[in-house]
Amino acid sequence: MKLVYPAVLLPFEEGEGFTITVPDLPGCVSEGCSLADALLMGADAASGWVLDELEDGKTAPSVSSLNEVASANPEAIVTYLVLDMDSYAERYGKKAIRKNITIPAYMNAYVEDNNLSLSEITQNAIASLIQNQQK
């Protein structure tokens, strides 16, 4: 699914770069050191915002017209962001993906003998790695 939302870009008051907001997605704000970077960061932020809604069983918010947004922001650059939700969800979504792994026989025996879930063990190990790298 591809979505299009109007975005508002304002140059930084000091230094180079832009702040980008998506009025149809409350609280969706990002920034970039150039116009191109701000557009990429805005699309990423908007995609994450919409993905959270979709994963919570909600629908994507309706889209305002570009003219309405431009009229409300005459000092800004107003343009559309294109969101490729399928691609974004595939990379960052919470949906479980089936993976086959190879483990030594003794580990498999231990998992089976103790009625453990290999999926749960793997998810916990990866989550722990992610948490340790973010420290």
Protein backbone atom coordinates (compact mmCIF):
# COMPACT_ATOMS: atom_id res chain seq x y z
CA MET A 1 0.00 0.00 0.00
CA LYS A 2 1.29 3.41 -0.93
CA LEU A 3 0.08 6.53 0.89
CA VAL A 4 0.63 10.21 0.20
CA TYR A 5 0.58 12.90 2.90
CA PRO A 6 1.31 16.62 2.65
CA ALA A 7 4.38 17.74 4.58
CA VAL A 8 5.47 21.18 5.78
CA LEU A 9 9.16 22.09 5.67
CA LEU A 10 10.62 25.10 7.45
CA PRO A 11 14.30 26.08 7.31
CA PHE A 12 16.21 26.15 10.57
CA GLU A 13 16.44 29.61 12.09
CA GLU A 14 20.17 29.03 12.64
CA GLY A 15 22.41 26.82 10.55
CA GLU A 16 21.51 24.66 7.60
CA GLY A 17 18.65 22.22 7.55
CA PHE A 18 14.89 21.87 7.73
CA THR A 19 12.22 20.80 10.18
CA ILE A 20 9.49 18.69 8.60
CA THR A 21 6.01 18.09 10.00
CA VAL A 22 3.09 16.04 8.71
CA PRO A 23 -0.09 17.85 9.79
CA ASP A 24 -2.35 14.82 9.28
CA LEU A 25 -0.21 12.77 11.69
CA PRO A 26 -0.23 14.56 15.08
CA GLY A 27 3.22 14.78 16.61
CA CYS A 28 4.98 13.55 13.47
CA VAL A 29 8.03 15.82 13.29
CA SER A 30 11.54 15.23 12.05
CA GLU A 31 14.42 17.20 10.61
CA GLY A 32 17.32 16.92 8.24
CA CYS A 33 20.55 18.74 7.46
CA SER A 34 19.38 19.38 3.87
CA LEU A 35 16.08 19.47 2.03
CA ALA A 36 16.62 15.97 0.64
CA ASP A 37 17.60 14.61 4.06
CA ALA A 38 14.57 16.22 5.70
CA LEU A 39 12.26 14.65 3.10
CA LEU A 40 13.79 11.20 3.70
CA MET A 41 13.59 11.61 7.47
CA GLY A 42 10.02 12.87 7.20
CA ALA A 43 8.97 9.87 5.11
CA ASP A 44 10.59 7.55 7.65
CA ALA A 45 8.88 9.25 10.60
CA ALA A 46 5.51 9.30 8.84
CA SER A 47 5.82 5.65 7.84
CA GLY A 48 6.57 4.68 11.43
CA TRP A 49 3.62 6.73 12.67
CA VAL A 50 1.21 5.09 10.22
CA LEU A 51 2.63 1.59 10.81
CA ASP A 52 1.95 1.93 14.55
CA GLU A 53 -1.67 2.80 13.77
CA LEU A 54 -2.07 -0.09 11.34
CA GLU A 55 -0.51 -2.59 13.74
CA ASP A 56 -2.96 -1.40 16.42
CA GLY A 57 -5.84 -2.28 14.06
CA LYS A 58 -6.63 1.32 13.15
CA THR A 59 -6.86 2.79 9.68
CA ALA A 60 -4.44 5.29 8.21
CA PRO A 61 -5.58 8.88 8.83
CA SER A 62 -7.34 10.71 6.04
CA VAL A 63 -5.29 13.05 3.91
CA SER A 64 -5.68 16.84 3.81
CA SER A 65 -5.46 18.58 0.48
CA LEU A 66 -2.10 20.08 -0.41
CA ASN A 67 -3.77 23.44 -1.05
CA GLU A 68 -5.30 23.53 2.46
CA VAL A 69 -1.96 22.76 4.06
CA ALA A 70 -0.14 25.29 1.87
CA SER A 71 -2.71 27.99 2.69
CA ALA A 72 -2.24 27.38 6.41
CA ASN A 73 1.58 27.54 6.04
CA PRO A 74 2.37 30.34 3.56
CA GLU A 75 5.97 30.73 4.79
CA ALA A 76 6.82 27.04 4.33
CA ILE A 77 7.68 24.61 1.58
CA VAL A 78 4.69 22.28 1.30
CA THR A 79 4.99 19.07 -0.67
CA TYR A 80 3.80 15.48 -0.66
CA LEU A 81 5.57 12.57 1.03
CA VAL A 82 5.07 9.17 -0.57
CA LEU A 83 4.98 6.32 1.96
CA ASP A 84 5.57 2.75 0.79
CA MET A 85 3.91 1.02 3.72
CA ASP A 86 4.44 -2.54 2.46
CA SER A 87 8.18 -2.04 2.18
CA TYR A 88 8.37 -0.22 5.52
CA ALA A 89 6.31 -2.87 7.33
CA GLU A 90 8.44 -5.65 5.87
CA ARG A 91 11.55 -4.04 7.31
CA TYR A 92 10.27 -2.60 10.60
CA GLY A 93 6.91 -4.21 11.37
CA LYS A 94 6.06 -6.45 14.30
CA LYS A 95 4.58 -9.18 12.13
CA ALA A 96 6.33 -12.48 12.75
CA ILE A 97 8.45 -13.80 9.90
CA ARG A 98 9.24 -17.48 9.56
CA LYS A 99 12.96 -18.26 9.52
CA ASN A 100 14.69 -21.62 9.47
CA ILE A 101 17.81 -21.93 11.61
CA THR A 102 20.46 -24.56 12.07
CA ILE A 103 21.56 -25.56 15.58
CA PRO A 104 23.73 -28.41 16.88
CA ALA A 105 21.90 -31.63 17.76
CA TYR A 106 22.70 -31.36 21.49
CA MET A 107 21.00 -27.94 21.62
CA ASN A 108 17.96 -29.27 19.83
CA ALA A 109 17.79 -32.19 22.28
CA TYR A 110 17.98 -29.77 25.22
CA VAL A 111 15.21 -27.60 23.77
CA GLU A 112 12.95 -30.59 23.17
CA ASP A 113 13.72 -32.28 26.51
CA ASN A 114 12.83 -29.11 28.39
CA ASN A 115 9.77 -28.19 26.30
CA LEU A 116 11.31 -24.87 25.33
CA SER A 117 10.29 -22.67 22.42
CA LEU A 118 13.16 -22.13 20.04
CA SER A 119 11.33 -19.12 18.60
CA GLU A 120 11.02 -17.53 22.03
CA ILE A 121 14.67 -18.23 22.89
CA THR A 122 15.81 -16.72 19.59
CA GLN A 123 13.60 -13.63 19.96
CA ASN A 124 14.82 -13.05 23.51
CA ALA A 125 18.45 -13.43 22.46
CA ILE A 126 18.07 -10.95 19.59
CA ALA A 127 16.15 -8.50 21.78
CA SER A 128 18.97 -8.70 24.34
CA LEU A 129 21.57 -8.01 21.64
CA ILE A 130 19.60 -5.00 20.41
CA GLN A 131 19.22 -3.68 23.98
CA ASN A 132 22.95 -4.10 24.69
CA GLN A 133 23.91 -2.28 21.48
CA GLN A 134 21.68 0.68 22.37
CA LYS A 135 23.45 1.27 25.70
